[in-house]
Amino acid sequence: MNVTAVVLAAGSGQRVGSDIPKQFLPLAGRPMITLSLAAFEACKQLQAVVVALPPGGGAAEPPLEEFAKVGARVAGGSSRQGSLAQALAHLPESTEAVLVHDAARPLLGQRIIEDLLAALDDTCDGVIPAIPIEDTIKKVSEDRLVEQELDRRGVWRVQTPQLFRRAALEDSLAKAIQSGMESTDCSQMLTGAGYRVRVVEGDPLNFKVTRAVDLWLAEQVLAARPEGGG
């Protein structure tokens, strides 16, 4: 199967508290986005990578020439779905499946990628990594009063990358745009369009960098890795 990765890196990342988009902030001595790109570069089953970057570029945008698989750099849209649409328009013609990843998850390991690729078979149209919820879950009102206790059984936290058959992803994105649906992840679009999505075990270390403390945590993880965070 011919697989292309799409790396969504067009957001501003304001909650991290920096004037520089968080995906370009230094992490272990290199721009955060390059850590995900390095993981994809090392994957032999992946043929190409398309990167969606903030419109207009800027001085903070790192050079990506070291990554031979990056075949296209496109200007992202005003929303996650808009950036995805721009990236899908630049897929190699031979692409059969698309691996969609958020650049804000820099600690991606090869095991997740391999598990996703192995799980995409005739019984599903996409595969996503997720982790079962272990904490007690409560629904809270706008004024932060507990409204309801929720059953955590069968509730999972979803991560990226997420793998989809190209035709199913393109069709579900078109339907989401037509209906005005704004999804928080790609699998929501697919299940909304009636496609089948399988779950594989995610990785607790594959967390999303959202706030300044997440940057610090990611630095600790990288420093503790045997390869020295490279």
Protein backbone atom coordinates (compact mmCIF):
# COMPACT_ATOMS: atom_id res chain seq x y z
CA MET A 1 0.00 0.00 0.00
CA ASN A 2 1.32 3.44 -0.95
CA VAL A 3 1.08 5.67 2.14
CA THR A 4 1.62 9.44 2.44
CA ALA A 5 1.82 11.29 5.75
CA VAL A 6 0.18 14.67 6.24
CA VAL A 7 1.63 16.76 9.06
CA LEU A 8 -0.70 19.54 10.23
CA ALA A 9 1.47 22.41 11.48
CA ALA A 10 -0.53 25.51 10.58
CA GLY A 11 -1.86 26.44 14.03
CA SER A 12 -0.76 29.39 16.15
CA GLY A 13 -0.54 27.50 19.46
CA GLN A 14 -1.39 30.54 21.57
CA ARG A 15 -1.99 28.57 24.77
CA VAL A 16 1.68 27.69 25.03
CA GLY A 17 2.39 31.37 25.70
CA SER A 18 4.81 32.19 22.87
CA ASP A 19 4.86 34.60 19.94
CA ILE A 20 6.34 31.77 17.86
CA PRO A 21 3.97 29.00 16.70
CA LYS A 22 4.53 26.13 19.14
CA GLN A 23 5.37 23.66 16.39
CA PHE A 24 8.48 25.74 15.65
CA LEU A 25 9.63 26.14 19.26
CA PRO A 26 12.93 24.47 20.16
CA LEU A 27 12.69 21.06 21.73
CA ALA A 28 15.85 19.08 22.54
CA GLY A 29 17.79 21.62 20.50
CA ARG A 30 15.71 21.47 17.32
CA PRO A 31 12.33 22.78 16.10
CA MET A 32 9.46 20.70 17.48
CA ILE A 33 8.03 19.88 14.04
CA THR A 34 11.25 18.20 12.96
CA LEU A 35 10.86 15.47 15.60
CA SER A 36 7.66 14.17 13.97
CA LEU A 37 9.20 14.51 10.52
CA ALA A 38 12.21 12.47 11.65
CA ALA A 39 9.87 9.67 12.79
CA PHE A 40 8.19 9.59 9.38
CA GLU A 41 11.51 9.81 7.56
CA ALA A 42 12.65 6.67 9.39
CA CYS A 43 9.53 4.67 8.49
CA LYS A 44 10.29 2.44 5.49
CA GLN A 45 6.61 1.85 4.74
CA LEU A 46 5.96 5.55 4.21
CA GLN A 47 6.58 6.98 0.75
CA ALA A 48 6.03 10.74 1.11
CA VAL A 49 5.13 13.56 3.49
CA VAL A 50 3.03 16.71 2.92
CA VAL A 51 3.35 19.50 5.51
CA ALA A 52 0.69 22.17 6.09
CA LEU A 53 2.35 25.32 7.49
CA PRO A 54 1.02 28.71 8.67
CA PRO A 55 0.03 30.97 5.77
CA GLY A 56 2.71 33.53 4.99
CA GLY A 57 5.51 31.53 6.55
CA GLY A 58 7.76 33.67 8.73
CA ALA A 59 11.23 33.80 10.18
CA ALA A 60 10.39 31.08 12.72
CA GLU A 61 9.60 28.49 10.04
CA PRO A 62 12.46 26.00 9.97
CA PRO A 63 14.12 24.65 6.83
CA LEU A 64 12.99 21.11 6.07
CA GLU A 65 15.45 20.15 3.34
CA GLU A 66 16.99 17.41 5.51
CA PHE A 67 13.80 15.37 5.11
CA ALA A 68 13.88 13.70 1.71
CA LYS A 69 10.28 12.45 2.01
CA VAL A 70 8.80 15.95 2.35
CA GLY A 71 7.48 16.37 -1.15
CA ALA A 72 5.19 19.36 -0.60
CA ARG A 73 4.87 22.29 1.80
CA VAL A 74 1.46 23.97 1.60
CA ALA A 75 -0.15 26.96 3.28
CA GLY A 76 -2.72 25.77 5.80
CA GLY A 77 -6.25 27.08 6.11
CA SER A 78 -8.05 28.96 8.89
CA SER A 79 -9.17 25.69 10.49
CA ARG A 80 -7.85 22.15 10.94
CA GLN A 81 -10.16 20.91 8.19
CA GLY A 82 -9.05 23.72 5.92
CA SER A 83 -5.40 22.78 6.40
CA LEU A 84 -6.22 19.14 5.77
CA ALA A 85 -8.01 20.01 2.54
CA GLN A 86 -5.00 22.00 1.32
CA ALA A 87 -2.68 19.10 2.13
CA LEU A 88 -4.88 16.46 0.48
CA ALA A 89 -4.86 18.50 -2.73
CA HIS A 90 -1.09 17.97 -2.91
CA LEU A 91 -0.92 14.22 -2.31
CA PRO A 92 1.08 12.16 -4.79
CA GLU A 93 -1.29 10.59 -7.31
CA SER A 94 -0.24 7.10 -6.25
CA THR A 95 -1.31 7.60 -2.61
CA GLU A 96 -3.71 4.91 -1.39
CA ALA A 97 -3.74 5.70 2.34
CA VAL A 98 -3.07 8.86 4.36
CA LEU A 99 -1.46 9.12 7.78
CA VAL A 100 -2.60 12.40 9.40
CA HIS A 101 -0.52 13.75 12.30
CA ASP A 102 -0.52 16.88 14.46
CA ALA A 103 2.92 18.49 14.69
CA ALA A 104 2.10 19.31 18.32
CA ARG A 105 2.70 15.63 19.20
CA PRO A 106 6.49 15.52 18.86
CA LEU A 107 7.16 12.28 20.80
CA LEU A 108 5.81 9.94 18.13
CA GLY A 109 7.42 6.50 18.14
CA GLN A 110 7.73 3.90 15.38
CA ARG A 111 5.58 1.36 17.25
CA ILE A 112 2.38 3.39 16.79
CA ILE A 113 3.03 3.89 13.08
CA GLU A 114 3.67 0.18 12.58
CA ASP A 115 0.56 -0.81 14.56
CA LEU A 116 -1.63 1.52 12.51
CA LEU A 117 -0.34 0.18 9.20
CA ALA A 118 -0.76 -3.43 10.34
CA ALA A 119 -4.36 -2.87 11.51
CA LEU A 120 -5.74 -1.32 8.31
CA ASP A 121 -7.45 -4.28 6.65
CA ASP A 122 -10.69 -5.14 4.84
CA THR A 123 -12.73 -4.78 8.04
CA CYS A 124 -12.18 -1.01 8.43
CA ASP A 125 -11.60 2.25 6.58
CA GLY A 126 -9.30 3.84 9.14
CA VAL A 127 -7.26 3.16 12.26
CA ILE A 128 -6.55 5.50 15.17
CA PRO A 129 -4.39 5.25 18.31
CA ALA A 130 -6.12 5.83 21.64
CA ILE A 131 -5.70 5.20 25.36
CA PRO A 132 -8.46 3.99 27.72
CA ILE A 133 -9.52 6.58 30.30
CA GLU A 134 -8.49 5.57 33.82
CA ASP A 135 -9.53 8.71 35.71
CA THR A 136 -12.99 9.42 37.08
CA ILE A 137 -14.94 11.44 34.51
CA LYS A 138 -17.40 14.23 35.39
CA LYS A 139 -19.45 16.64 33.32
CA VAL A 140 -18.96 20.17 34.69
CA SER A 141 -21.10 23.27 34.12
CA GLU A 142 -19.82 26.61 32.81
CA ASP A 143 -19.58 27.86 36.39
CA ARG A 144 -17.58 24.73 37.28
CA LEU A 145 -20.16 22.83 39.27
CA VAL A 146 -20.37 19.06 38.83
CA GLU A 147 -23.44 18.21 36.78
CA GLN A 148 -23.07 14.50 36.10
CA GLU A 149 -20.87 11.48 36.78
CA LEU A 150 -19.92 9.79 33.49
CA ASP A 151 -19.18 6.10 33.00
CA ARG A 152 -15.56 5.78 31.86
CA ARG A 153 -16.00 2.24 30.55
CA GLY A 154 -15.40 2.22 26.81
CA VAL A 155 -14.11 5.84 26.83
CA TRP A 156 -10.74 6.37 25.16
CA ARG A 157 -8.46 9.41 24.62
CA VAL A 158 -7.64 9.72 20.94
CA GLN A 159 -4.21 10.59 19.56
CA THR A 160 -2.55 11.10 16.19
CA PRO A 161 -1.28 9.97 13.75
CA GLN A 162 -4.45 8.51 12.30
CA LEU A 163 -4.46 6.31 9.20
CA PHE A 164 -7.22 6.31 6.58
CA ARG A 165 -7.91 5.01 3.13
CA ARG A 166 -7.53 7.99 0.84
CA ALA A 167 -10.95 7.70 -0.78
CA ALA A 168 -12.72 7.48 2.60
CA LEU A 169 -10.84 10.46 4.01
CA GLU A 170 -11.46 12.65 0.97
CA ASP A 171 -15.15 11.71 0.84
CA SER A 172 -15.74 12.31 4.56
CA LEU A 173 -13.92 15.66 4.45
CA ALA A 174 -16.06 16.81 1.52
CA LYS A 175 -19.23 15.79 3.39
CA ALA A 176 -18.09 17.54 6.58
CA ILE A 177 -17.38 20.77 4.69
CA GLN A 178 -20.72 20.57 2.86
CA SER A 179 -22.66 20.06 6.11
CA GLY A 180 -20.74 22.72 8.05
CA MET A 181 -19.35 20.16 10.50
CA GLU A 182 -16.15 21.19 12.31
CA SER A 183 -14.45 18.06 13.62
CA THR A 184 -11.78 17.91 16.30
CA ASP A 185 -10.08 14.98 14.59
CA CYS A 186 -10.31 13.16 11.26
CA SER A 187 -11.90 10.01 12.63
CA GLN A 188 -14.93 12.04 13.73
CA MET A 189 -15.51 12.94 10.07
CA LEU A 190 -15.22 9.32 8.96
CA THR A 191 -17.58 7.86 11.56
CA GLY A 192 -20.01 10.71 10.84
CA ALA A 193 -19.98 9.68 7.18
CA GLY A 194 -20.62 6.03 8.02
CA TYR A 195 -17.09 4.67 7.66
CA ARG A 196 -15.55 2.09 10.00
CA VAL A 197 -12.68 3.16 12.25
CA ARG A 198 -10.62 0.72 14.34
CA VAL A 199 -8.66 1.59 17.49
CA VAL A 200 -5.16 0.43 18.40
CA GLU A 201 -3.35 1.06 21.68
CA GLY A 202 -1.77 4.50 21.80
CA ASP A 203 1.25 5.69 23.78
CA PRO A 204 0.98 7.85 26.95
CA LEU A 205 4.18 9.63 25.89
CA ASN A 206 2.62 10.63 22.57
CA PHE A 207 0.91 13.57 24.27
CA LYS A 208 -0.04 16.88 22.70
CA VAL A 209 2.02 19.95 23.57
CA THR A 210 -0.61 22.53 24.46
CA ARG A 211 0.80 24.56 27.36
CA ALA A 212 4.25 25.59 28.57
CA VAL A 213 4.36 22.72 31.07
CA ASP A 214 3.97 20.25 28.20
CA LEU A 215 7.13 21.63 26.61
CA TRP A 216 8.97 20.98 29.86
CA LEU A 217 7.59 17.44 30.08
CA ALA A 218 8.59 16.71 26.49
CA GLU A 219 12.11 17.92 27.22
CA GLN A 220 12.33 15.52 30.19
CA VAL A 221 11.17 12.58 28.08
CA LEU A 222 13.65 13.33 25.32
CA ALA A 223 16.51 13.79 27.79
CA ALA A 224 15.72 10.39 29.34
CA ARG A 225 15.74 8.51 26.05
CA PRO A 226 18.80 6.31 25.44
CA GLU A 227 19.60 8.09 22.20
CA GLY A 228 19.87 11.37 24.09
CA GLY A 229 16.74 12.94 22.66
CA GLY A 230 17.89 12.84 19.05
